[in-house]
Protein backbone atom coordinates (compact mmCIF):
# COMPACT_ATOMS: atom_id res chain seq x y z
CA UNK A 1 0.00 0.00 0.00
CA UNK A 2 1.09 3.59 -0.65
CA UNK A 3 0.08 6.64 1.35
CA UNK A 4 1.12 10.27 0.85
CA UNK A 5 1.48 12.41 3.93
CA UNK A 6 2.91 15.75 4.94
CA UNK A 7 4.93 15.78 8.15
CA UNK A 8 5.46 18.94 10.16
CA UNK A 9 7.77 18.65 13.09
CA UNK A 10 8.94 21.15 15.71
CA UNK A 11 12.61 21.99 15.96
CA UNK A 12 13.03 19.57 18.88
CA UNK A 13 12.19 16.61 16.62
CA UNK A 14 14.21 17.71 13.56
CA UNK A 15 17.28 15.65 14.64
CA UNK A 16 15.25 12.39 14.73
CA UNK A 17 16.26 10.22 11.74
CA UNK A 18 12.68 9.80 10.47
CA UNK A 19 13.29 7.85 7.26
CA UNK A 20 15.80 5.54 8.97
CA UNK A 21 13.33 4.75 11.77
CA UNK A 22 10.53 4.15 9.26
CA UNK A 23 12.65 1.61 7.39
CA UNK A 24 14.34 -0.04 10.37
CA UNK A 25 11.54 -0.12 12.95
CA UNK A 26 8.46 -0.39 10.73
CA UNK A 27 9.68 -1.82 7.39
CA UNK A 28 8.12 1.17 5.62
CA UNK A 29 9.83 2.74 2.60
CA UNK A 30 9.73 6.53 2.45
CA UNK A 31 9.96 8.31 -0.89
CA UNK A 32 10.70 11.96 -0.11
CA UNK A 33 8.78 14.24 -2.44
CA UNK A 34 9.72 17.57 -0.91
CA UNK A 35 11.68 18.60 2.17
CA UNK A 36 12.16 21.89 3.98
CA UNK A 37 14.34 21.05 6.95
CA UNK A 38 16.97 23.10 8.75
CA UNK A 39 18.55 22.86 12.22
CA UNK A 40 16.59 24.67 14.97
CA UNK A 41 13.63 25.42 12.67
CA UNK A 42 10.24 23.83 12.09
CA UNK A 43 10.60 21.12 9.43
CA UNK A 44 8.20 20.04 6.67
CA UNK A 45 8.45 16.83 4.73
CA UNK A 46 6.13 15.59 1.98
CA UNK A 47 6.61 11.86 1.71
CA UNK A 48 5.03 8.82 0.09
CA UNK A 49 5.05 5.84 2.44
CA UNK A 50 4.99 2.31 1.06
CA UNK A 51 4.52 -0.92 2.97
CA UNK A 52 2.02 -3.08 4.78
CA UNK A 53 -1.07 -1.09 5.84
CA UNK A 54 -0.65 -2.10 9.50
CA UNK A 55 3.03 -1.10 9.44
CA UNK A 56 2.18 2.28 7.90
CA UNK A 57 -0.50 2.86 10.53
CA UNK A 58 1.96 1.93 13.31
CA UNK A 59 4.57 4.30 11.83
CA UNK A 60 2.04 7.14 11.62
CA UNK A 61 1.03 6.53 15.23
CA UNK A 62 4.70 6.58 16.30
CA UNK A 63 5.25 9.88 14.49
CA UNK A 64 2.14 11.41 16.06
CA UNK A 65 3.30 10.26 19.52
CA UNK A 66 6.69 11.85 18.76
CA UNK A 67 5.00 15.29 18.37
CA UNK A 68 5.19 15.16 14.57
CA UNK A 69 2.06 16.56 12.93
CA UNK A 70 0.87 14.12 10.25
CA UNK A 71 -1.60 15.28 7.62
CA UNK A 72 -2.90 13.43 4.60
CA UNK A 73 -1.64 14.74 1.26
CA UNK A 74 -4.54 13.98 -1.04
CA UNK A 75 -4.30 17.02 -3.26
CA UNK A 76 -3.85 16.89 -7.02
CA UNK A 77 -2.49 19.29 -9.59
CA UNK A 78 -5.10 21.08 -11.71
CA UNK A 79 -4.32 23.01 -14.88
CA UNK A 80 -6.73 25.69 -16.11
CA UNK A 81 -6.53 25.26 -19.88
CA UNK A 82 -8.23 28.65 -20.37
CA UNK A 83 -5.35 30.41 -18.60
CA UNK A 84 -2.43 28.24 -19.75
CA UNK A 85 -0.50 29.63 -22.73
CA UNK A 86 1.78 26.56 -23.06
CA UNK A 87 4.91 28.55 -22.22
CA UNK A 88 6.60 25.46 -20.80
CA UNK A 89 8.14 27.05 -17.70
CA UNK A 90 6.53 24.38 -15.52
CA UNK A 91 8.19 21.60 -17.50
CA UNK A 92 11.63 22.80 -16.41
CA UNK A 93 10.89 22.34 -12.70
CA UNK A 94 8.89 19.10 -12.87
CA UNK A 95 11.15 16.40 -11.34
CA UNK A 96 9.11 13.47 -12.68
CA UNK A 97 8.46 14.78 -16.20
CA UNK A 98 4.70 14.72 -15.56
CA UNK A 99 4.58 18.04 -17.41
CA UNK A 100 6.04 18.10 -20.92
CA UNK A 101 5.58 20.03 -24.14
CA UNK A 102 4.39 18.03 -27.14
CA UNK A 103 7.22 18.35 -29.70
CA UNK A 104 4.80 18.63 -32.64
CA UNK A 105 2.06 20.90 -31.32
CA UNK A 106 4.06 22.68 -28.55
CA UNK A 107 1.04 22.15 -26.27
CA UNK A 108 1.44 21.31 -22.60
CA UNK A 109 0.86 17.65 -21.74
CA UNK A 110 0.12 16.52 -18.19
CA UNK A 111 0.59 12.87 -17.22
CA UNK A 112 -1.22 12.63 -13.88
CA UNK A 113 0.15 9.14 -13.19
CA UNK A 114 3.70 10.55 -13.00
CA UNK A 115 2.82 13.52 -10.78
CA UNK A 116 3.96 13.36 -7.15
CA UNK A 117 2.28 16.69 -6.26
CA UNK A 118 5.53 18.37 -5.29
CA UNK A 119 3.83 21.68 -6.25
CA UNK A 120 6.97 23.17 -7.81
CA UNK A 121 5.00 23.92 -10.97
CA UNK A 122 2.37 25.91 -9.04
CA UNK A 123 4.75 28.67 -8.00
CA UNK A 124 6.55 28.63 -11.36
CA UNK A 125 3.48 29.36 -13.51
CA UNK A 126 3.46 33.10 -14.32
CA UNK A 127 -0.28 33.07 -15.09
CA UNK A 128 -1.43 31.06 -12.05
CA UNK A 129 -2.89 28.46 -14.42
CA UNK A 130 -1.67 25.62 -12.19
CA UNK A 131 -3.10 24.99 -8.75
CA UNK A 132 -3.75 22.20 -6.29
CA UNK A 133 -7.15 20.89 -5.33
CA UNK A 134 -8.34 18.31 -2.83
C-alpha atoms as a PDB file:
ATOM      1  CA  UNK A   1       0.000   0.000   0.000  1.00  0.00           C
ATOM      2  CA  UNK A   2       1.088   3.591  -0.650  1.00  0.00           C
ATOM      3  CA  UNK A   3       0.084   6.635   1.350  1.00  0.00           C
ATOM      4  CA  UNK A   4       1.118  10.272   0.846  1.00  0.00           C
ATOM      5  CA  UNK A   5       1.477  12.409   3.934  1.00  0.00           C
ATOM      6  CA  UNK A   6       2.910  15.755   4.942  1.00  0.00           C
ATOM      7  CA  UNK A   7       4.931  15.778   8.145  1.00  0.00           C
ATOM      8  CA  UNK A   8       5.456  18.944  10.158  1.00  0.00           C
ATOM      9  CA  UNK A   9       7.768  18.654  13.094  1.00  0.00           C
ATOM     10  CA  UNK A  10       8.945  21.152  15.706  1.00  0.00           C
ATOM     11  CA  UNK A  11      12.609  21.989  15.959  1.00  0.00           C
ATOM     12  CA  UNK A  12      13.026  19.568  18.880  1.00  0.00           C
ATOM     13  CA  UNK A  13      12.186  16.609  16.615  1.00  0.00           C
ATOM     14  CA  UNK A  14      14.214  17.705  13.559  1.00  0.00           C
ATOM     15  CA  UNK A  15      17.283  15.647  14.639  1.00  0.00           C
ATOM     16  CA  UNK A  16      15.247  12.392  14.733  1.00  0.00           C
ATOM     17  CA  UNK A  17      16.255  10.221  11.736  1.00  0.00           C
ATOM     18  CA  UNK A  18      12.678   9.804  10.475  1.00  0.00           C
ATOM     19  CA  UNK A  19      13.295   7.854   7.256  1.00  0.00           C
ATOM     20  CA  UNK A  20      15.797   5.536   8.971  1.00  0.00           C
ATOM     21  CA  UNK A  21      13.327   4.755  11.774  1.00  0.00           C
ATOM     22  CA  UNK A  22      10.532   4.148   9.255  1.00  0.00           C
ATOM     23  CA  UNK A  23      12.654   1.610   7.387  1.00  0.00           C
ATOM     24  CA  UNK A  24      14.344  -0.036  10.369  1.00  0.00           C
ATOM     25  CA  UNK A  25      11.544  -0.124  12.945  1.00  0.00           C
ATOM     26  CA  UNK A  26       8.456  -0.392  10.731  1.00  0.00           C
ATOM     27  CA  UNK A  27       9.681  -1.817   7.395  1.00  0.00           C
ATOM     28  CA  UNK A  28       8.115   1.166   5.621  1.00  0.00           C
ATOM     29  CA  UNK A  29       9.826   2.737   2.599  1.00  0.00           C
ATOM     30  CA  UNK A  30       9.727   6.529   2.453  1.00  0.00           C
ATOM     31  CA  UNK A  31       9.958   8.306  -0.891  1.00  0.00           C
ATOM     32  CA  UNK A  32      10.698  11.956  -0.109  1.00  0.00           C
ATOM     33  CA  UNK A  33       8.778  14.236  -2.439  1.00  0.00           C
ATOM     34  CA  UNK A  34       9.716  17.573  -0.911  1.00  0.00           C
ATOM     35  CA  UNK A  35      11.682  18.604   2.168  1.00  0.00           C
ATOM     36  CA  UNK A  36      12.158  21.888   3.979  1.00  0.00           C
ATOM     37  CA  UNK A  37      14.341  21.046   6.948  1.00  0.00           C
ATOM     38  CA  UNK A  38      16.968  23.100   8.754  1.00  0.00           C
ATOM     39  CA  UNK A  39      18.549  22.859  12.224  1.00  0.00           C
ATOM     40  CA  UNK A  40      16.593  24.675  14.974  1.00  0.00           C
ATOM     41  CA  UNK A  41      13.630  25.415  12.670  1.00  0.00           C
ATOM     42  CA  UNK A  42      10.238  23.834  12.087  1.00  0.00           C
ATOM     43  CA  UNK A  43      10.598  21.117   9.431  1.00  0.00           C
ATOM     44  CA  UNK A  44       8.201  20.038   6.675  1.00  0.00           C
ATOM     45  CA  UNK A  45       8.445  16.828   4.733  1.00  0.00           C
ATOM     46  CA  UNK A  46       6.126  15.591   1.980  1.00  0.00           C
ATOM     47  CA  UNK A  47       6.615  11.857   1.706  1.00  0.00           C
ATOM     48  CA  UNK A  48       5.032   8.816   0.088  1.00  0.00           C
ATOM     49  CA  UNK A  49       5.050   5.842   2.440  1.00  0.00           C
ATOM     50  CA  UNK A  50       4.991   2.309   1.059  1.00  0.00           C
ATOM     51  CA  UNK A  51       4.523  -0.917   2.966  1.00  0.00           C
ATOM     52  CA  UNK A  52       2.018  -3.084   4.775  1.00  0.00           C
ATOM     53  CA  UNK A  53      -1.073  -1.092   5.842  1.00  0.00           C
ATOM     54  CA  UNK A  54      -0.645  -2.100   9.498  1.00  0.00           C
ATOM     55  CA  UNK A  55       3.028  -1.101   9.435  1.00  0.00           C
ATOM     56  CA  UNK A  56       2.178   2.284   7.898  1.00  0.00           C
ATOM     57  CA  UNK A  57      -0.504   2.857  10.532  1.00  0.00           C
ATOM     58  CA  UNK A  58       1.959   1.934  13.308  1.00  0.00           C
ATOM     59  CA  UNK A  59       4.566   4.297  11.829  1.00  0.00           C
ATOM     60  CA  UNK A  60       2.036   7.143  11.616  1.00  0.00           C
ATOM     61  CA  UNK A  61       1.035   6.528  15.235  1.00  0.00           C
ATOM     62  CA  UNK A  62       4.701   6.575  16.304  1.00  0.00           C
ATOM     63  CA  UNK A  63       5.254   9.883  14.490  1.00  0.00           C
ATOM     64  CA  UNK A  64       2.141  11.413  16.058  1.00  0.00           C
ATOM     65  CA  UNK A  65       3.296  10.263  19.518  1.00  0.00           C
ATOM     66  CA  UNK A  66       6.693  11.848  18.764  1.00  0.00           C
ATOM     67  CA  UNK A  67       5.004  15.288  18.367  1.00  0.00           C
ATOM     68  CA  UNK A  68       5.192  15.160  14.568  1.00  0.00           C
ATOM     69  CA  UNK A  69       2.063  16.560  12.928  1.00  0.00           C
ATOM     70  CA  UNK A  70       0.873  14.122  10.251  1.00  0.00           C
ATOM     71  CA  UNK A  71      -1.605  15.284   7.620  1.00  0.00           C
ATOM     72  CA  UNK A  72      -2.897  13.434   4.602  1.00  0.00           C
ATOM     73  CA  UNK A  73      -1.636  14.743   1.265  1.00  0.00           C
ATOM     74  CA  UNK A  74      -4.539  13.976  -1.039  1.00  0.00           C
ATOM     75  CA  UNK A  75      -4.300  17.024  -3.259  1.00  0.00           C
ATOM     76  CA  UNK A  76      -3.849  16.889  -7.019  1.00  0.00           C
ATOM     77  CA  UNK A  77      -2.492  19.287  -9.591  1.00  0.00           C
ATOM     78  CA  UNK A  78      -5.097  21.077 -11.713  1.00  0.00           C
ATOM     79  CA  UNK A  79      -4.325  23.014 -14.877  1.00  0.00           C
ATOM     80  CA  UNK A  80      -6.734  25.688 -16.111  1.00  0.00           C
ATOM     81  CA  UNK A  81      -6.535  25.262 -19.881  1.00  0.00           C
ATOM     82  CA  UNK A  82      -8.227  28.645 -20.373  1.00  0.00           C
ATOM     83  CA  UNK A  83      -5.352  30.406 -18.595  1.00  0.00           C
ATOM     84  CA  UNK A  84      -2.427  28.241 -19.749  1.00  0.00           C
ATOM     85  CA  UNK A  85      -0.503  29.626 -22.727  1.00  0.00           C
ATOM     86  CA  UNK A  86       1.782  26.557 -23.060  1.00  0.00           C
ATOM     87  CA  UNK A  87       4.915  28.550 -22.221  1.00  0.00           C
ATOM     88  CA  UNK A  88       6.603  25.456 -20.797  1.00  0.00           C
ATOM     89  CA  UNK A  89       8.135  27.053 -17.702  1.00  0.00           C
ATOM     90  CA  UNK A  90       6.526  24.382 -15.525  1.00  0.00           C
ATOM     91  CA  UNK A  91       8.192  21.597 -17.504  1.00  0.00           C
ATOM     92  CA  UNK A  92      11.626  22.800 -16.407  1.00  0.00           C
ATOM     93  CA  UNK A  93      10.886  22.340 -12.696  1.00  0.00           C
ATOM     94  CA  UNK A  94       8.888  19.099 -12.871  1.00  0.00           C
ATOM     95  CA  UNK A  95      11.146  16.405 -11.342  1.00  0.00           C
ATOM     96  CA  UNK A  96       9.114  13.466 -12.679  1.00  0.00           C
ATOM     97  CA  UNK A  97       8.459  14.778 -16.204  1.00  0.00           C
ATOM     98  CA  UNK A  98       4.703  14.720 -15.559  1.00  0.00           C
ATOM     99  CA  UNK A  99       4.581  18.041 -17.411  1.00  0.00           C
ATOM    100  CA  UNK A 100       6.037  18.103 -20.923  1.00  0.00           C
ATOM    101  CA  UNK A 101       5.579  20.027 -24.140  1.00  0.00           C
ATOM    102  CA  UNK A 102       4.395  18.031 -27.138  1.00  0.00           C
ATOM    103  CA  UNK A 103       7.224  18.354 -29.702  1.00  0.00           C
ATOM    104  CA  UNK A 104       4.801  18.635 -32.639  1.00  0.00           C
ATOM    105  CA  UNK A 105       2.061  20.904 -31.317  1.00  0.00           C
ATOM    106  CA  UNK A 106       4.057  22.677 -28.549  1.00  0.00           C
ATOM    107  CA  UNK A 107       1.042  22.152 -26.270  1.00  0.00           C
ATOM    108  CA  UNK A 108       1.439  21.307 -22.599  1.00  0.00           C
ATOM    109  CA  UNK A 109       0.861  17.648 -21.744  1.00  0.00           C
ATOM    110  CA  UNK A 110       0.119  16.522 -18.194  1.00  0.00           C
ATOM    111  CA  UNK A 111       0.587  12.871 -17.224  1.00  0.00           C
ATOM    112  CA  UNK A 112      -1.223  12.628 -13.884  1.00  0.00           C
ATOM    113  CA  UNK A 113       0.152   9.138 -13.192  1.00  0.00           C
ATOM    114  CA  UNK A 114       3.701  10.549 -13.004  1.00  0.00           C
ATOM    115  CA  UNK A 115       2.816  13.520 -10.784  1.00  0.00           C
ATOM    116  CA  UNK A 116       3.961  13.360  -7.148  1.00  0.00           C
ATOM    117  CA  UNK A 117       2.278  16.694  -6.265  1.00  0.00           C
ATOM    118  CA  UNK A 118       5.530  18.367  -5.285  1.00  0.00           C
ATOM    119  CA  UNK A 119       3.833  21.675  -6.249  1.00  0.00           C
ATOM    120  CA  UNK A 120       6.972  23.169  -7.809  1.00  0.00           C
ATOM    121  CA  UNK A 121       4.999  23.919 -10.974  1.00  0.00           C
ATOM    122  CA  UNK A 122       2.371  25.914  -9.043  1.00  0.00           C
ATOM    123  CA  UNK A 123       4.755  28.670  -7.995  1.00  0.00           C
ATOM    124  CA  UNK A 124       6.549  28.631 -11.360  1.00  0.00           C
ATOM    125  CA  UNK A 125       3.484  29.360 -13.509  1.00  0.00           C
ATOM    126  CA  UNK A 126       3.461  33.099 -14.316  1.00  0.00           C
ATOM    127  CA  UNK A 127      -0.284  33.066 -15.093  1.00  0.00           C
ATOM    128  CA  UNK A 128      -1.429  31.061 -12.052  1.00  0.00           C
ATOM    129  CA  UNK A 129      -2.888  28.457 -14.421  1.00  0.00           C
ATOM    130  CA  UNK A 130      -1.666  25.625 -12.190  1.00  0.00           C
ATOM    131  CA  UNK A 131      -3.105  24.990  -8.754  1.00  0.00           C
ATOM    132  CA  UNK A 132      -3.747  22.200  -6.287  1.00  0.00           C
ATOM    133  CA  UNK A 133      -7.151  20.892  -5.328  1.00  0.00           C
ATOM    134  CA  UNK A 134      -8.336  18.312  -2.834  1.00  0.00           C
END
